[in-house]
Amino acid sequence: MKNNKKALLVELKEKLGCSEEECLLINSIAEEYFIFKKKNKPKIVNEFEDKLNVSEERAEEIYDVFMNIVKERIKFKIFHPFKNKDKHKKAF
C-alpha cells in the first residue's frame, strides 16, 4: 500500500472514529466510482449504507469527510507540488 493511501486511511480513522477495516472498506468503495461526479454520490452513499450497515445520515457524513480529505489533499498538491503533505501538516 502506498504511503499516500496509508495517510488517507489514518486521517479517515481520526476524523470518523472508524476501525481500520471500516476505513479500508470506505476507501475501496470510493475507488469503485469516479468520486467527483455528482451523479455517483447517491451510489456511493448507498454502498456505504449497505456494506457498513450504517444509517443514511452516517453514510452522508462518511462521504462528506472522505471528500473533504481528498479535496484538501488535491488542493495542497496543486499549491505545493514539491512538498509532502504528511511532513507539513501544519500548512493548513
Protein backbone atom coordinates (compact mmCIF):
# COMPACT_ATOMS: atom_id res chain seq x y z
CA MET A 1 0.00 0.00 0.00
CA LYS A 2 1.32 3.41 -0.89
CA ASN A 3 2.21 5.93 1.77
CA ASN A 4 -0.46 8.35 0.47
CA LYS A 5 -3.16 5.75 0.91
CA LYS A 6 -1.93 4.92 4.42
CA ALA A 7 -2.02 8.60 5.35
CA LEU A 8 -5.53 8.90 3.93
CA LEU A 9 -6.68 5.90 5.98
CA VAL A 10 -5.11 7.30 9.14
CA GLU A 11 -6.83 10.64 8.59
CA LEU A 12 -10.16 8.88 7.96
CA LYS A 13 -9.73 6.89 11.15
CA GLU A 14 -9.02 10.07 13.14
CA LYS A 15 -11.92 12.08 11.73
CA LEU A 16 -14.57 9.36 11.67
CA GLY A 17 -13.55 7.21 14.61
CA CYS A 18 -13.80 4.07 12.48
CA SER A 19 -11.77 0.89 12.69
CA GLU A 20 -9.04 0.15 10.17
CA GLU A 21 -11.23 -2.44 8.45
CA GLU A 22 -14.03 0.10 8.04
CA CYS A 23 -11.59 2.68 6.67
CA LEU A 24 -10.28 0.16 4.13
CA LEU A 25 -13.84 -0.65 3.12
CA ILE A 26 -14.71 3.06 2.77
CA ASN A 27 -11.67 3.59 0.57
CA SER A 28 -12.38 0.54 -1.59
CA ILE A 29 -16.00 1.67 -2.12
CA ALA A 30 -14.86 5.16 -3.08
CA GLU A 31 -12.27 3.74 -5.50
CA GLU A 32 -15.01 1.89 -7.40
CA TYR A 33 -16.58 5.15 -8.57
CA PHE A 34 -15.42 8.43 -10.03
CA ILE A 35 -15.87 10.41 -6.82
CA PHE A 36 -16.02 13.88 -8.36
CA LYS A 37 -19.09 13.11 -10.46
CA LYS A 38 -22.22 14.34 -8.69
CA LYS A 39 -24.34 11.51 -10.11
CA ASN A 40 -22.19 8.98 -8.25
CA LYS A 41 -22.76 10.45 -4.79
CA PRO A 42 -26.06 8.59 -4.17
CA LYS A 43 -24.48 5.35 -5.37
CA ILE A 44 -21.51 5.76 -3.04
CA VAL A 45 -23.74 6.71 -0.09
CA ASN A 46 -25.95 3.65 -0.74
CA GLU A 47 -22.86 1.42 -0.82
CA PHE A 48 -21.71 2.89 2.49
CA GLU A 49 -25.15 2.19 3.98
CA ASP A 50 -25.24 -1.40 2.74
CA LYS A 51 -21.67 -2.52 3.31
CA LEU A 52 -21.00 -0.64 6.56
CA ASN A 53 -24.52 -1.19 7.89
CA VAL A 54 -24.98 2.46 8.88
CA SER A 55 -27.83 4.96 8.62
CA GLU A 56 -28.21 7.31 5.68
CA GLU A 57 -27.08 10.26 7.81
CA ARG A 58 -23.90 8.45 8.87
CA ALA A 59 -23.25 7.40 5.26
CA GLU A 60 -23.61 11.05 4.16
CA GLU A 61 -21.19 12.09 6.92
CA ILE A 62 -18.67 9.47 5.82
CA TYR A 63 -18.97 10.65 2.22
CA ASP A 64 -18.52 14.31 3.20
CA VAL A 65 -15.49 13.61 5.39
CA PHE A 66 -13.88 11.43 2.72
CA MET A 67 -14.47 14.05 0.02
CA ASN A 68 -13.09 16.84 2.22
CA ILE A 69 -9.93 14.87 2.88
CA VAL A 70 -9.44 14.11 -0.81
CA LYS A 71 -10.16 17.70 -1.88
CA GLU A 72 -7.78 19.04 0.77
CA ARG A 73 -5.01 16.75 -0.45
CA ILE A 74 -5.56 17.70 -4.09
CA LYS A 75 -5.62 21.39 -3.23
CA PHE A 76 -2.38 21.05 -1.25
CA LYS A 77 -0.74 19.21 -4.15
CA ILE A 78 -1.75 21.95 -6.60
CA PHE A 79 -0.48 24.81 -4.45
CA HIS A 80 2.60 22.97 -3.13
CA PRO A 81 3.61 20.46 -5.81
CA PHE A 82 7.00 19.64 -4.30
CA LYS A 83 6.01 19.35 -0.63
CA ASN A 84 4.89 16.23 1.14
CA LYS A 85 1.61 16.94 2.94
CA ASP A 86 2.28 14.37 5.63
CA LYS A 87 5.51 16.11 6.63
CA HIS A 88 3.93 19.57 6.52
CA LYS A 89 0.53 19.08 8.14
CA LYS A 90 0.83 22.43 9.86
CA ALA A 91 0.50 24.10 6.46
CA PHE A 92 -3.27 24.03 6.88
